[in-house]
């Protein structure tokens, strides 16, 4: 996959992804706890520096 996520965008995605996953593990009694697992998406796209939605819409925050 082509890199289309810049450094700042990448860092924010990783932080948000980790925060959501941390919320999943810190709230064992919450009824909708599984929603925190959505943090996997920004974490993976941040680590890979590639976002499929950015590709679809032609967005590129990565400096060449």
PDB file of N, CA and C in Angstrom:
ATOM      1  N   UNK A   1       0.831  -1.181   0.000  1.00  0.00           N
ATOM      2  CA  UNK A   1       0.000   0.000   0.000  1.00  0.00           C
ATOM      3  C   UNK A   1       0.878   1.247   0.000  1.00  0.00           C
ATOM      4  N   UNK A   2       0.404   2.253  -0.673  1.00  0.00           N
ATOM      5  CA  UNK A   2       1.139   3.507  -0.782  1.00  0.00           C
ATOM      6  C   UNK A   2       0.973   4.331   0.494  1.00  0.00           C
ATOM      7  N   UNK A   3       2.053   4.930   0.954  1.00  0.00           N
ATOM      8  CA  UNK A   3       1.991   5.766   2.153  1.00  0.00           C
ATOM      9  C   UNK A   3       1.269   7.063   1.829  1.00  0.00           C
ATOM     10  N   UNK A   4       0.245   7.387   2.616  1.00  0.00           N
ATOM     11  CA  UNK A   4      -0.493   8.624   2.406  1.00  0.00           C
ATOM     12  C   UNK A   4      -0.842   9.308   3.727  1.00  0.00           C
ATOM     13  N   UNK A   5      -0.176   8.914   4.814  1.00  0.00           N
ATOM     14  CA  UNK A   5      -0.409   9.500   6.133  1.00  0.00           C
ATOM     15  C   UNK A   5       0.878  10.162   6.589  1.00  0.00           C
ATOM     16  N   UNK A   6       0.812  11.470   6.859  1.00  0.00           N
ATOM     17  CA  UNK A   6       1.974  12.232   7.292  1.00  0.00           C
ATOM     18  C   UNK A   6       2.350  11.958   8.737  1.00  0.00           C
ATOM     19  N   UNK A   7       3.448  12.558   9.177  1.00  0.00           N
ATOM     20  CA  UNK A   7       3.974  12.300  10.519  1.00  0.00           C
ATOM     21  C   UNK A   7       3.026  12.721  11.630  1.00  0.00           C
ATOM     22  N   UNK A   8       2.496  13.930  11.570  1.00  0.00           N
ATOM     23  CA  UNK A   8       1.587  14.405  12.616  1.00  0.00           C
ATOM     24  C   UNK A   8       0.310  13.559  12.633  1.00  0.00           C
ATOM     25  N   UNK A   9      -0.237  13.302  11.475  1.00  0.00           N
ATOM     26  CA  UNK A   9      -1.432  12.474  11.349  1.00  0.00           C
ATOM     27  C   UNK A   9      -1.165  11.080  11.902  1.00  0.00           C
ATOM     28  N   UNK A  10      -0.013  10.557  11.604  1.00  0.00           N
ATOM     29  CA  UNK A  10       0.375   9.211  12.053  1.00  0.00           C
ATOM     30  C   UNK A  10       0.472   9.150  13.578  1.00  0.00           C
ATOM     31  N   UNK A  11       1.119  10.128  14.175  1.00  0.00           N
ATOM     32  CA  UNK A  11       1.271  10.166  15.624  1.00  0.00           C
ATOM     33  C   UNK A  11      -0.089  10.277  16.305  1.00  0.00           C
ATOM     34  N   UNK A  12      -0.961  11.137  15.780  1.00  0.00           N
ATOM     35  CA  UNK A  12      -2.295  11.289  16.358  1.00  0.00           C
ATOM     36  C   UNK A  12      -3.100  10.001  16.258  1.00  0.00           C
ATOM     37  N   UNK A  13      -3.004   9.314  15.142  1.00  0.00           N
ATOM     38  CA  UNK A  13      -3.714   8.044  14.980  1.00  0.00           C
ATOM     39  C   UNK A  13      -3.234   7.004  15.982  1.00  0.00           C
ATOM     40  N   UNK A  14      -1.937   6.925  16.176  1.00  0.00           N
ATOM     41  CA  UNK A  14      -1.381   5.950  17.113  1.00  0.00           C
ATOM     42  C   UNK A  14      -1.812   6.267  18.541  1.00  0.00           C
ATOM     43  N   UNK A  15      -1.762   7.537  18.934  1.00  0.00           N
ATOM     44  CA  UNK A  15      -2.154   7.934  20.286  1.00  0.00           C
ATOM     45  C   UNK A  15      -3.635   7.665  20.522  1.00  0.00           C
ATOM     46  N   UNK A  16      -4.483   8.042  19.575  1.00  0.00           N
ATOM     47  CA  UNK A  16      -5.923   7.809  19.719  1.00  0.00           C
ATOM     48  C   UNK A  16      -6.224   6.313  19.758  1.00  0.00           C
ATOM     49  N   UNK A  17      -5.589   5.554  18.901  1.00  0.00           N
ATOM     50  CA  UNK A  17      -5.794   4.110  18.883  1.00  0.00           C
ATOM     51  C   UNK A  17      -5.399   3.454  20.200  1.00  0.00           C
ATOM     52  N   UNK A  18      -4.248   3.837  20.727  1.00  0.00           N
ATOM     53  CA  UNK A  18      -3.792   3.281  22.000  1.00  0.00           C
ATOM     54  C   UNK A  18      -4.707   3.708  23.147  1.00  0.00           C
ATOM     55  N   UNK A  19      -5.176   4.953  23.119  1.00  0.00           N
ATOM     56  CA  UNK A  19      -6.080   5.433  24.172  1.00  0.00           C
ATOM     57  C   UNK A  19      -7.399   4.653  24.165  1.00  0.00           C
ATOM     58  N   UNK A  20      -7.937   4.406  22.988  1.00  0.00           N
ATOM     59  CA  UNK A  20      -9.177   3.642  22.910  1.00  0.00           C
ATOM     60  C   UNK A  20      -8.977   2.200  23.376  1.00  0.00           C
ATOM     61  N   UNK A  21      -7.886   1.582  22.986  1.00  0.00           N
ATOM     62  CA  UNK A  21      -7.617   0.220  23.435  1.00  0.00           C
ATOM     63  C   UNK A  21      -7.361   0.165  24.941  1.00  0.00           C
ATOM     64  N   UNK A  22      -6.729   1.175  25.475  1.00  0.00           N
ATOM     65  CA  UNK A  22      -6.533   1.255  26.912  1.00  0.00           C
ATOM     66  C   UNK A  22      -7.876   1.373  27.625  1.00  0.00           C
ATOM     67  N   UNK A  23      -8.787   2.155  27.056  1.00  0.00           N
ATOM     68  CA  UNK A  23     -10.137   2.265  27.607  1.00  0.00           C
ATOM     69  C   UNK A  23     -10.845   0.926  27.633  1.00  0.00           C
ATOM     70  N   UNK A  24     -10.608   0.099  26.639  1.00  0.00           N
ATOM     71  CA  UNK A  24     -11.211  -1.234  26.600  1.00  0.00           C
ATOM     72  C   UNK A  24     -10.759  -2.071  27.792  1.00  0.00           C
ATOM     73  N   UNK A  25      -9.466  -2.014  28.099  1.00  0.00           N
ATOM     74  CA  UNK A  25      -8.938  -2.834  29.180  1.00  0.00           C
ATOM     75  C   UNK A  25      -9.208  -2.246  30.569  1.00  0.00           C
ATOM     76  N   UNK A  26      -9.436  -0.938  30.658  1.00  0.00           N
ATOM     77  CA  UNK A  26      -9.657  -0.305  31.955  1.00  0.00           C
ATOM     78  C   UNK A  26     -11.128  -0.265  32.377  1.00  0.00           C
ATOM     79  N   UNK A  27     -12.042  -0.616  31.482  1.00  0.00           N
ATOM     80  CA  UNK A  27     -13.469  -0.592  31.821  1.00  0.00           C
ATOM     81  C   UNK A  27     -14.080  -1.980  31.631  1.00  0.00           C
ATOM     82  N   UNK A  28     -13.715  -2.938  32.501  1.00  0.00           N
ATOM     83  CA  UNK A  28     -14.198  -4.304  32.306  1.00  0.00           C
ATOM     84  C   UNK A  28     -15.703  -4.468  32.519  1.00  0.00           C
ATOM     85  N   UNK A  29     -16.342  -3.584  33.265  1.00  0.00           N
ATOM     86  CA  UNK A  29     -17.763  -3.749  33.552  1.00  0.00           C
ATOM     87  C   UNK A  29     -18.689  -2.955  32.654  1.00  0.00           C
ATOM     88  N   UNK A  30     -18.145  -2.203  31.729  1.00  0.00           N
ATOM     89  CA  UNK A  30     -18.979  -1.357  30.866  1.00  0.00           C
ATOM     90  C   UNK A  30     -19.791  -2.204  29.896  1.00  0.00           C
ATOM     91  N   UNK A  31     -21.023  -1.782  29.650  1.00  0.00           N
ATOM     92  CA  UNK A  31     -21.900  -2.580  28.790  1.00  0.00           C
ATOM     93  C   UNK A  31     -21.514  -2.499  27.310  1.00  0.00           C
ATOM     94  N   UNK A  32     -21.030  -1.367  26.860  1.00  0.00           N
ATOM     95  CA  UNK A  32     -20.632  -1.210  25.454  1.00  0.00           C
ATOM     96  C   UNK A  32     -19.108  -1.144  25.314  1.00  0.00           C
ATOM     97  N   UNK A  33     -18.429  -1.888  26.136  1.00  0.00           N
ATOM     98  CA  UNK A  33     -16.972  -1.886  26.174  1.00  0.00           C
ATOM     99  C   UNK A  33     -16.352  -2.267  24.840  1.00  0.00           C
ATOM    100  N   UNK A  34     -16.983  -3.108  24.089  1.00  0.00           N
ATOM    101  CA  UNK A  34     -16.440  -3.581  22.814  1.00  0.00           C
ATOM    102  C   UNK A  34     -16.273  -2.446  21.809  1.00  0.00           C
ATOM    103  N   UNK A  35     -16.971  -1.321  22.000  1.00  0.00           N
ATOM    104  CA  UNK A  35     -16.820  -0.181  21.083  1.00  0.00           C
ATOM    105  C   UNK A  35     -15.411   0.411  21.125  1.00  0.00           C
ATOM    106  N   UNK A  36     -14.730   0.224  22.238  1.00  0.00           N
ATOM    107  CA  UNK A  36     -13.353   0.702  22.331  1.00  0.00           C
ATOM    108  C   UNK A  36     -12.431  -0.017  21.349  1.00  0.00           C
ATOM    109  N   UNK A  37     -12.828  -1.180  20.897  1.00  0.00           N
ATOM    110  CA  UNK A  37     -11.992  -1.932  19.963  1.00  0.00           C
ATOM    111  C   UNK A  37     -11.869  -1.251  18.602  1.00  0.00           C
ATOM    112  N   UNK A  38     -12.685  -0.224  18.369  1.00  0.00           N
ATOM    113  CA  UNK A  38     -12.567   0.555  17.135  1.00  0.00           C
ATOM    114  C   UNK A  38     -11.187   1.219  17.078  1.00  0.00           C
ATOM    115  N   UNK A  39     -10.505   1.305  18.223  1.00  0.00           N
ATOM    116  CA  UNK A  39      -9.158   1.871  18.286  1.00  0.00           C
ATOM    117  C   UNK A  39      -8.133   1.085  17.489  1.00  0.00           C
ATOM    118  N   UNK A  40      -8.476  -0.142  17.115  1.00  0.00           N
ATOM    119  CA  UNK A  40      -7.567  -0.952  16.302  1.00  0.00           C
ATOM    120  C   UNK A  40      -7.352  -0.294  14.938  1.00  0.00           C
ATOM    121  N   UNK A  41      -8.396   0.320  14.402  1.00  0.00           N
ATOM    122  CA  UNK A  41      -8.319   0.914  13.061  1.00  0.00           C
ATOM    123  C   UNK A  41      -7.319   2.074  13.004  1.00  0.00           C
ATOM    124  N   UNK A  42      -7.457   3.101  13.860  1.00  0.00           N
ATOM    125  CA  UNK A  42      -6.453   4.178  13.767  1.00  0.00           C
ATOM    126  C   UNK A  42      -5.051   3.708  14.147  1.00  0.00           C
ATOM    127  N   UNK A  43      -4.960   2.739  15.055  1.00  0.00           N
ATOM    128  CA  UNK A  43      -3.644   2.234  15.427  1.00  0.00           C
ATOM    129  C   UNK A  43      -2.958   1.559  14.243  1.00  0.00           C
ATOM    130  N   UNK A  44      -3.667   0.702  13.546  1.00  0.00           N
ATOM    131  CA  UNK A  44      -3.080  -0.012  12.403  1.00  0.00           C
ATOM    132  C   UNK A  44      -2.763   0.943  11.257  1.00  0.00           C
ATOM    133  N   UNK A  45      -3.677   1.867  10.955  1.00  0.00           N
ATOM    134  CA  UNK A  45      -3.406   2.803   9.862  1.00  0.00           C
ATOM    135  C   UNK A  45      -2.250   3.739  10.210  1.00  0.00           C
ATOM    136  N   UNK A  46      -2.102   4.063  11.488  1.00  0.00           N
ATOM    137  CA  UNK A  46      -0.969   4.884  11.903  1.00  0.00           C
ATOM    138  C   UNK A  46       0.347   4.136  11.809  1.00  0.00           C
ATOM    139  N   UNK A  47       0.340   2.881  12.200  1.00  0.00           N
ATOM    140  CA  UNK A  47       1.567   2.088  12.142  1.00  0.00           C
ATOM    141  C   UNK A  47       1.977   1.777  10.707  1.00  0.00           C
ATOM    142  N   UNK A  48       0.993   1.615   9.822  1.00  0.00           N
ATOM    143  CA  UNK A  48       1.293   1.305   8.422  1.00  0.00           C
ATOM    144  C   UNK A  48       1.528   2.561   7.583  1.00  0.00           C
ATOM    145  N   UNK A  49       1.207   3.736   8.113  1.00  0.00           N
ATOM    146  CA  UNK A  49       1.304   5.016   7.389  1.00  0.00           C
ATOM    147  C   UNK A  49       0.472   5.019   6.116  1.00  0.00           C
ATOM    148  N   UNK A  50      -0.596   4.272   6.124  1.00  0.00           N
ATOM    149  CA  UNK A  50      -1.460   4.190   4.955  1.00  0.00           C
ATOM    150  C   UNK A  50      -2.909   4.063   5.398  1.00  0.00           C
ATOM    151  N   UNK A  51      -3.781   4.867   4.795  1.00  0.00           N
ATOM    152  CA  UNK A  51      -5.193   4.849   5.134  1.00  0.00           C
ATOM    153  C   UNK A  51      -6.005   4.566   3.866  1.00  0.00           C
ATOM    154  N   UNK A  52      -6.781   3.478   3.857  1.00  0.00           N
ATOM    155  CA  UNK A  52      -7.589   3.157   2.679  1.00  0.00           C
ATOM    156  C   UNK A  52      -8.599   4.246   2.324  1.00  0.00           C
ATOM    157  N   UNK A  53      -9.192   4.892   3.313  1.00  0.00           N
ATOM    158  CA  UNK A  53     -10.152   5.968   3.021  1.00  0.00           C
ATOM    159  C   UNK A  53      -9.465   7.164   2.369  1.00  0.00           C
ATOM    160  N   UNK A  54      -8.251   7.464   2.807  1.00  0.00           N
ATOM    161  CA  UNK A  54      -7.497   8.540   2.165  1.00  0.00           C
ATOM    162  C   UNK A  54      -7.270   8.215   0.691  1.00  0.00           C
ATOM    163  N   UNK A  55      -6.985   6.967   0.388  1.00  0.00           N
ATOM    164  CA  UNK A  55      -6.771   6.552  -1.004  1.00  0.00           C
ATOM    165  C   UNK A  55      -8.035   6.735  -1.831  1.00  0.00           C
ATOM    166  N   UNK A  56      -9.181   6.366  -1.264  1.00  0.00           N
ATOM    167  CA  UNK A  56     -10.458   6.490  -1.980  1.00  0.00           C
ATOM    168  C   UNK A  56     -10.769   7.937  -2.303  1.00  0.00           C
ATOM    169  N   UNK A  57     -10.544   8.831  -1.310  1.00  0.00           N
ATOM    170  CA  UNK A  57     -10.885  10.241  -1.500  1.00  0.00           C
ATOM    171  C   UNK A  57      -9.733  11.082  -2.064  1.00  0.00           C
ATOM    172  N   UNK A  58      -8.585  10.466  -2.306  1.00  0.00           N
ATOM    173  CA  UNK A  58      -7.456  11.181  -2.905  1.00  0.00           C
ATOM    174  C   UNK A  58      -6.755  12.124  -1.948  1.00  0.00           C
ATOM    175  N   UNK A  59      -6.800  11.846  -0.660  1.00  0.00           N
ATOM    176  CA  UNK A  59      -6.160  12.688   0.339  1.00  0.00           C
ATOM    177  C   UNK A  59      -4.754  12.143   0.605  1.00  0.00           C
ATOM    178  N   UNK A  60      -3.800  13.043   0.757  1.00  0.00           N
ATOM    179  CA  UNK A  60      -2.434  12.649   1.065  1.00  0.00           C
ATOM    180  C   UNK A  60      -1.825  13.679   1.999  1.00  0.00           C
ATOM    181  N   UNK A  61      -1.541  13.306   3.232  1.00  0.00           N
ATOM    182  CA  UNK A  61      -0.922  14.220   4.203  1.00  0.00           C
ATOM    183  C   UNK A  61       0.566  13.949   4.338  1.00  0.00           C
ATOM    184  N   UNK A  62       1.073  13.025   3.575  1.00  0.00           N
ATOM    185  CA  UNK A  62       2.482  12.654   3.612  1.00  0.00           C
ATOM    186  C   UNK A  62       3.272  13.563   2.678  1.00  0.00           C
ATOM    187  N   UNK A  63       4.305  14.213   3.203  1.00  0.00           N
ATOM    188  CA  UNK A  63       5.159  15.060   2.367  1.00  0.00           C
ATOM    189  C   UNK A  63       6.068  14.175   1.534  1.00  0.00           C
ATOM    190  N   UNK A  64       6.226  14.531   0.311  1.00  0.00           N
ATOM    191  CA  UNK A  64       7.032  13.720  -0.618  1.00  0.00           C
ATOM    192  C   UNK A  64       8.477  14.082  -0.510  1.00  0.00           C
TER     193      UNK A  64
END
